[in-house]
């Protein structure tokens, strides 16, 4: 089972993604849920994970900066999500080798397709 963490400054979104989606059924375990990217980075120092899902806009550190820092660990797959359809976000995500970029509100089929792609990538390693 692959481990993932979820980061969003809105607690209801973190809870919704973490608790309502059937992660175990598709081969993932939620190892942590965070409302701060800096807290998530501190967690990652001692707890290896396979996937980081993060919102793009957050007060302490945005998902783009987080994905840039995570490029140092190519084993971590990064999925970003945002309610903003901003080309600069998409471009930066591509440059930071983000696996996928989802738009809020995230619907079930979109998230399922994304995670199947991530799982296939992880299975190939």
N, C-alpha and C. Protein backbone atom coordinates (compact mmCIF):
# COMPACT_ATOMS: atom_id res chain seq x y z
N UNK A 1 0.85 -1.17 0.00
CA UNK A 1 0.00 0.00 0.00
C UNK A 1 0.90 1.24 0.00
N UNK A 2 0.58 2.20 -0.86
CA UNK A 2 1.35 3.43 -0.97
C UNK A 2 0.84 4.46 0.06
N UNK A 3 1.76 5.24 0.60
CA UNK A 3 1.40 6.25 1.60
C UNK A 3 1.32 7.62 0.96
N UNK A 4 0.32 8.40 1.40
CA UNK A 4 0.16 9.74 0.89
C UNK A 4 -0.18 10.70 2.02
N UNK A 5 0.12 11.98 1.79
CA UNK A 5 -0.32 13.02 2.70
C UNK A 5 -1.13 14.04 1.89
N UNK A 6 -2.02 14.73 2.59
CA UNK A 6 -2.90 15.72 1.97
C UNK A 6 -2.69 17.04 2.70
N UNK A 7 -2.53 18.12 1.92
CA UNK A 7 -2.28 19.44 2.49
C UNK A 7 -3.22 20.46 1.87
N UNK A 8 -3.92 21.18 2.73
CA UNK A 8 -4.76 22.30 2.30
C UNK A 8 -4.98 23.17 3.53
N UNK A 9 -4.95 24.47 3.37
CA UNK A 9 -5.15 25.35 4.51
C UNK A 9 -6.60 25.37 4.99
N UNK A 10 -7.50 24.79 4.23
CA UNK A 10 -8.90 24.67 4.65
C UNK A 10 -9.12 23.27 5.23
N UNK A 11 -9.35 23.23 6.52
CA UNK A 11 -9.46 21.95 7.22
C UNK A 11 -10.58 21.07 6.67
N UNK A 12 -11.70 21.68 6.26
CA UNK A 12 -12.80 20.87 5.74
C UNK A 12 -12.42 20.15 4.44
N UNK A 13 -11.56 20.78 3.64
CA UNK A 13 -11.12 20.13 2.40
C UNK A 13 -10.18 18.98 2.72
N UNK A 14 -9.26 19.19 3.64
CA UNK A 14 -8.35 18.12 4.06
C UNK A 14 -9.15 16.95 4.61
N UNK A 15 -10.09 17.23 5.49
CA UNK A 15 -10.91 16.16 6.07
C UNK A 15 -11.72 15.44 5.00
N UNK A 16 -12.32 16.23 4.09
CA UNK A 16 -13.13 15.62 3.04
C UNK A 16 -12.31 14.69 2.16
N UNK A 17 -11.17 15.18 1.69
CA UNK A 17 -10.32 14.35 0.84
C UNK A 17 -9.78 13.14 1.61
N UNK A 18 -9.40 13.37 2.83
CA UNK A 18 -8.77 12.30 3.61
C UNK A 18 -9.72 11.23 4.10
N UNK A 19 -10.92 11.63 4.41
CA UNK A 19 -11.84 10.67 5.05
C UNK A 19 -12.96 10.16 4.14
N UNK A 20 -13.32 10.90 3.12
CA UNK A 20 -14.46 10.49 2.30
C UNK A 20 -14.08 9.67 1.07
N UNK A 21 -12.87 9.82 0.59
CA UNK A 21 -12.43 9.07 -0.58
C UNK A 21 -11.94 7.69 -0.13
N UNK A 22 -12.32 6.63 -0.82
CA UNK A 22 -11.94 5.26 -0.40
C UNK A 22 -10.49 4.91 -0.77
N UNK A 23 -9.54 5.55 -0.11
CA UNK A 23 -8.13 5.39 -0.44
C UNK A 23 -7.67 3.94 -0.40
N UNK A 24 -8.05 3.20 0.65
CA UNK A 24 -7.57 1.83 0.81
C UNK A 24 -7.99 0.94 -0.35
N UNK A 25 -9.18 1.19 -0.88
CA UNK A 25 -9.69 0.37 -1.98
C UNK A 25 -8.84 0.50 -3.24
N UNK A 26 -8.12 1.61 -3.38
CA UNK A 26 -7.31 1.78 -4.58
C UNK A 26 -5.81 1.69 -4.28
N UNK A 27 -5.46 1.25 -3.07
CA UNK A 27 -4.06 0.97 -2.76
C UNK A 27 -3.28 2.07 -2.08
N UNK A 28 -3.97 2.99 -1.41
CA UNK A 28 -3.28 4.08 -0.73
C UNK A 28 -3.70 4.14 0.74
N UNK A 29 -2.76 4.62 1.55
CA UNK A 29 -3.01 4.86 2.96
C UNK A 29 -2.72 6.33 3.25
N UNK A 30 -3.65 7.03 3.89
CA UNK A 30 -3.43 8.42 4.25
C UNK A 30 -2.54 8.44 5.49
N UNK A 31 -1.30 8.87 5.32
CA UNK A 31 -0.33 8.89 6.41
C UNK A 31 -0.39 10.18 7.20
N UNK A 32 -1.01 11.21 6.66
CA UNK A 32 -1.12 12.48 7.36
C UNK A 32 -1.96 13.47 6.61
N UNK A 33 -2.61 14.36 7.38
CA UNK A 33 -3.41 15.44 6.81
C UNK A 33 -2.97 16.72 7.49
N UNK A 34 -2.67 17.75 6.69
CA UNK A 34 -2.07 18.96 7.21
C UNK A 34 -2.76 20.21 6.67
N UNK A 35 -2.81 21.25 7.50
CA UNK A 35 -3.32 22.56 7.07
C UNK A 35 -2.16 23.53 6.83
N UNK A 36 -0.94 23.02 6.90
CA UNK A 36 0.26 23.83 6.70
C UNK A 36 1.29 23.04 5.90
N UNK A 37 1.80 23.64 4.83
CA UNK A 37 2.83 22.97 4.03
C UNK A 37 4.12 22.82 4.82
N UNK A 38 4.43 23.78 5.66
CA UNK A 38 5.65 23.69 6.48
C UNK A 38 5.56 22.52 7.47
N UNK A 39 4.40 22.32 8.06
CA UNK A 39 4.21 21.18 8.96
C UNK A 39 4.35 19.87 8.18
N UNK A 40 3.83 19.85 6.97
CA UNK A 40 3.94 18.65 6.14
C UNK A 40 5.40 18.35 5.79
N UNK A 41 6.17 19.39 5.46
CA UNK A 41 7.60 19.20 5.18
C UNK A 41 8.33 18.65 6.39
N UNK A 42 8.01 19.15 7.57
CA UNK A 42 8.64 18.65 8.79
C UNK A 42 8.28 17.18 9.00
N UNK A 43 7.04 16.81 8.72
CA UNK A 43 6.60 15.42 8.83
C UNK A 43 7.39 14.53 7.87
N UNK A 44 7.61 15.03 6.65
CA UNK A 44 8.31 14.25 5.64
C UNK A 44 9.77 13.96 5.99
N UNK A 45 10.35 14.75 6.86
CA UNK A 45 11.74 14.51 7.27
C UNK A 45 11.89 13.17 7.97
N UNK A 46 10.85 12.74 8.70
CA UNK A 46 10.93 11.50 9.48
C UNK A 46 9.98 10.41 9.00
N UNK A 47 9.10 10.75 8.05
CA UNK A 47 8.09 9.79 7.60
C UNK A 47 8.05 9.76 6.07
N UNK A 48 8.68 8.78 5.46
CA UNK A 48 8.65 8.72 3.99
C UNK A 48 7.25 8.42 3.47
N UNK A 49 6.89 9.11 2.41
CA UNK A 49 5.61 8.86 1.74
C UNK A 49 5.86 8.76 0.25
N UNK A 50 4.86 8.24 -0.44
CA UNK A 50 4.96 8.07 -1.89
C UNK A 50 4.30 9.21 -2.66
N UNK A 51 3.27 9.82 -2.05
CA UNK A 51 2.49 10.84 -2.75
C UNK A 51 2.21 12.02 -1.82
N UNK A 52 2.35 13.21 -2.37
CA UNK A 52 1.97 14.44 -1.67
C UNK A 52 0.91 15.12 -2.51
N UNK A 53 -0.28 15.33 -1.90
CA UNK A 53 -1.36 16.08 -2.55
C UNK A 53 -1.45 17.42 -1.85
N UNK A 54 -1.39 18.51 -2.60
CA UNK A 54 -1.37 19.82 -1.97
C UNK A 54 -2.16 20.86 -2.75
N UNK A 55 -2.79 21.74 -1.99
CA UNK A 55 -3.40 22.92 -2.58
C UNK A 55 -2.29 23.84 -3.09
N UNK A 56 -2.60 24.66 -4.06
CA UNK A 56 -1.61 25.57 -4.63
C UNK A 56 -1.47 26.82 -3.76
N UNK A 57 -2.57 27.42 -3.34
CA UNK A 57 -2.51 28.67 -2.59
C UNK A 57 -2.76 28.41 -1.11
N UNK A 58 -1.72 28.65 -0.31
CA UNK A 58 -1.82 28.53 1.14
C UNK A 58 -0.98 29.65 1.75
N UNK A 59 -1.33 30.09 2.94
CA UNK A 59 -0.63 31.25 3.52
C UNK A 59 0.84 31.01 3.88
N UNK A 60 1.18 29.85 4.41
CA UNK A 60 2.56 29.66 4.88
C UNK A 60 3.52 29.28 3.76
N UNK A 61 3.08 28.47 2.84
CA UNK A 61 3.88 28.06 1.68
C UNK A 61 2.92 27.45 0.68
N UNK A 62 2.99 27.92 -0.55
CA UNK A 62 2.09 27.40 -1.56
C UNK A 62 2.55 26.07 -2.13
N UNK A 63 1.65 25.41 -2.82
CA UNK A 63 1.95 24.12 -3.41
C UNK A 63 3.03 24.16 -4.48
N UNK A 64 3.15 25.29 -5.17
CA UNK A 64 4.20 25.40 -6.19
C UNK A 64 5.57 25.38 -5.53
N UNK A 65 5.74 26.17 -4.47
CA UNK A 65 7.02 26.16 -3.74
C UNK A 65 7.27 24.80 -3.11
N UNK A 66 6.24 24.20 -2.57
CA UNK A 66 6.37 22.87 -1.98
C UNK A 66 6.83 21.87 -3.03
N UNK A 67 6.22 21.90 -4.21
CA UNK A 67 6.60 20.96 -5.27
C UNK A 67 8.04 21.20 -5.72
N UNK A 68 8.47 22.46 -5.73
CA UNK A 68 9.85 22.77 -6.09
C UNK A 68 10.81 22.14 -5.08
N UNK A 69 10.49 22.24 -3.79
CA UNK A 69 11.34 21.65 -2.77
C UNK A 69 11.33 20.12 -2.84
N UNK A 70 10.21 19.55 -3.21
CA UNK A 70 10.10 18.10 -3.27
C UNK A 70 10.79 17.51 -4.50
N UNK A 71 11.20 18.34 -5.44
CA UNK A 71 11.94 17.85 -6.60
C UNK A 71 13.24 17.17 -6.19
N UNK A 72 13.74 17.52 -5.01
CA UNK A 72 14.96 16.90 -4.49
C UNK A 72 14.75 15.42 -4.19
N UNK A 73 13.50 15.02 -4.04
CA UNK A 73 13.17 13.62 -3.80
C UNK A 73 12.31 13.10 -4.95
N UNK A 74 12.94 12.58 -6.00
CA UNK A 74 12.17 12.17 -7.18
C UNK A 74 11.27 10.96 -6.95
N UNK A 75 11.38 10.30 -5.80
CA UNK A 75 10.52 9.16 -5.52
C UNK A 75 9.12 9.59 -5.08
N UNK A 76 8.95 10.86 -4.70
CA UNK A 76 7.65 11.35 -4.27
C UNK A 76 6.88 11.89 -5.47
N UNK A 77 5.68 11.37 -5.66
CA UNK A 77 4.78 11.87 -6.70
C UNK A 77 3.98 13.03 -6.10
N UNK A 78 3.90 14.14 -6.81
CA UNK A 78 3.18 15.31 -6.32
C UNK A 78 1.95 15.56 -7.18
N UNK A 79 0.83 15.76 -6.51
CA UNK A 79 -0.43 16.14 -7.16
C UNK A 79 -0.85 17.47 -6.55
N UNK A 80 -1.05 18.47 -7.38
CA UNK A 80 -1.51 19.76 -6.90
C UNK A 80 -2.98 19.95 -7.27
N UNK A 81 -3.67 20.76 -6.46
CA UNK A 81 -5.05 21.10 -6.78
C UNK A 81 -5.29 22.57 -6.43
N UNK A 82 -6.22 23.17 -7.17
CA UNK A 82 -6.50 24.59 -6.98
C UNK A 82 -7.88 24.91 -7.53
N UNK A 83 -8.44 25.98 -7.02
CA UNK A 83 -9.70 26.47 -7.59
C UNK A 83 -9.44 27.52 -8.67
N UNK A 84 -8.17 27.85 -8.87
CA UNK A 84 -7.79 28.87 -9.85
C UNK A 84 -7.29 28.22 -11.15
N UNK A 85 -7.83 28.68 -12.26
CA UNK A 85 -7.38 28.21 -13.57
C UNK A 85 -6.34 29.20 -14.10
N UNK A 86 -5.18 29.15 -13.50
CA UNK A 86 -4.12 30.11 -13.80
C UNK A 86 -3.01 29.41 -14.57
N UNK A 87 -2.73 29.88 -15.79
CA UNK A 87 -1.71 29.26 -16.63
C UNK A 87 -0.35 29.23 -15.93
N UNK A 88 -0.03 30.27 -15.17
CA UNK A 88 1.26 30.31 -14.48
C UNK A 88 1.40 29.16 -13.48
N UNK A 89 0.31 28.80 -12.82
CA UNK A 89 0.33 27.65 -11.91
C UNK A 89 0.59 26.36 -12.68
N UNK A 90 -0.12 26.20 -13.79
CA UNK A 90 0.06 24.99 -14.60
C UNK A 90 1.50 24.88 -15.10
N UNK A 91 2.02 25.99 -15.58
CA UNK A 91 3.38 26.01 -16.11
C UNK A 91 4.40 25.68 -15.02
N UNK A 92 4.26 26.30 -13.86
CA UNK A 92 5.18 26.03 -12.76
C UNK A 92 5.07 24.58 -12.31
N UNK A 93 3.86 24.04 -12.29
CA UNK A 93 3.68 22.64 -11.91
C UNK A 93 4.42 21.72 -12.88
N UNK A 94 4.33 21.99 -14.15
CA UNK A 94 5.03 21.18 -15.16
C UNK A 94 6.53 21.28 -14.95
N UNK A 95 7.02 22.49 -14.73
CA UNK A 95 8.46 22.68 -14.51
C UNK A 95 8.94 21.94 -13.26
N UNK A 96 8.07 21.81 -12.26
CA UNK A 96 8.43 21.11 -11.02
C UNK A 96 8.11 19.62 -11.07
N UNK A 97 7.80 19.13 -12.25
CA UNK A 97 7.55 17.70 -12.48
C UNK A 97 6.40 17.14 -11.64
N UNK A 98 5.35 17.96 -11.50
CA UNK A 98 4.15 17.53 -10.78
C UNK A 98 3.45 16.48 -11.62
N UNK A 99 2.96 15.44 -10.97
CA UNK A 99 2.32 14.32 -11.66
C UNK A 99 0.96 14.71 -12.27
N UNK A 100 0.19 15.52 -11.53
CA UNK A 100 -1.12 15.92 -12.03
C UNK A 100 -1.54 17.21 -11.33
N UNK A 101 -2.49 17.90 -11.96
CA UNK A 101 -3.01 19.16 -11.44
C UNK A 101 -4.53 19.09 -11.55
N UNK A 102 -5.21 19.10 -10.41
CA UNK A 102 -6.65 18.96 -10.38
C UNK A 102 -7.31 20.29 -10.03
N UNK A 103 -8.48 20.54 -10.59
CA UNK A 103 -9.22 21.75 -10.28
C UNK A 103 -10.31 21.46 -9.25
N UNK A 104 -10.43 22.37 -8.29
CA UNK A 104 -11.49 22.29 -7.28
C UNK A 104 -12.78 22.83 -7.89
N UNK A 105 -13.90 22.33 -7.52
CA UNK A 105 -14.07 21.20 -6.61
C UNK A 105 -13.66 19.90 -7.30
N UNK A 106 -12.93 19.09 -6.58
CA UNK A 106 -12.42 17.83 -7.12
C UNK A 106 -13.55 16.81 -7.09
N UNK A 107 -13.88 16.28 -8.25
CA UNK A 107 -14.93 15.26 -8.26
C UNK A 107 -14.31 13.87 -8.23
N UNK A 108 -15.12 12.92 -7.85
CA UNK A 108 -14.66 11.54 -7.64
C UNK A 108 -13.99 10.94 -8.87
N UNK A 109 -14.62 10.99 -10.06
CA UNK A 109 -13.97 10.38 -11.23
C UNK A 109 -12.62 11.02 -11.57
N UNK A 110 -12.52 12.34 -11.41
CA UNK A 110 -11.26 13.02 -11.70
C UNK A 110 -10.17 12.56 -10.72
N UNK A 111 -10.49 12.49 -9.44
CA UNK A 111 -9.52 12.06 -8.43
C UNK A 111 -9.16 10.59 -8.63
N UNK A 112 -10.12 9.77 -8.93
CA UNK A 112 -9.85 8.35 -9.16
C UNK A 112 -8.91 8.16 -10.35
N UNK A 113 -9.18 8.86 -11.45
CA UNK A 113 -8.31 8.76 -12.63
C UNK A 113 -6.90 9.23 -12.33
N UNK A 114 -6.79 10.31 -11.59
CA UNK A 114 -5.48 10.83 -11.20
C UNK A 114 -4.72 9.81 -10.37
N UNK A 115 -5.37 9.23 -9.38
CA UNK A 115 -4.68 8.31 -8.48
C UNK A 115 -4.36 6.98 -9.16
N UNK A 116 -5.15 6.58 -10.13
CA UNK A 116 -4.81 5.39 -10.90
C UNK A 116 -3.53 5.64 -11.71
N UNK A 117 -3.40 6.84 -12.27
CA UNK A 117 -2.19 7.22 -13.00
C UNK A 117 -0.99 7.26 -12.06
N UNK A 118 -1.16 7.82 -10.88
CA UNK A 118 -0.07 7.89 -9.89
C UNK A 118 0.34 6.48 -9.48
N UNK A 119 -0.64 5.62 -9.24
CA UNK A 119 -0.35 4.26 -8.81
C UNK A 119 0.41 3.50 -9.90
N UNK A 120 0.04 3.69 -11.15
CA UNK A 120 0.73 3.05 -12.26
C UNK A 120 2.19 3.50 -12.32
N UNK A 121 2.39 4.80 -12.10
CA UNK A 121 3.75 5.36 -12.08
C UNK A 121 4.56 4.74 -10.93
N UNK A 122 3.96 4.64 -9.76
CA UNK A 122 4.66 4.06 -8.60
C UNK A 122 4.92 2.57 -8.80
N UNK A 123 3.97 1.86 -9.38
CA UNK A 123 4.15 0.43 -9.64
C UNK A 123 5.31 0.19 -10.59
N UNK A 124 5.55 1.15 -11.50
CA UNK A 124 6.61 1.01 -12.48
C UNK A 124 8.01 1.24 -11.92
N UNK A 125 8.08 1.75 -10.70
CA UNK A 125 9.41 2.04 -10.10
C UNK A 125 9.96 0.85 -9.37
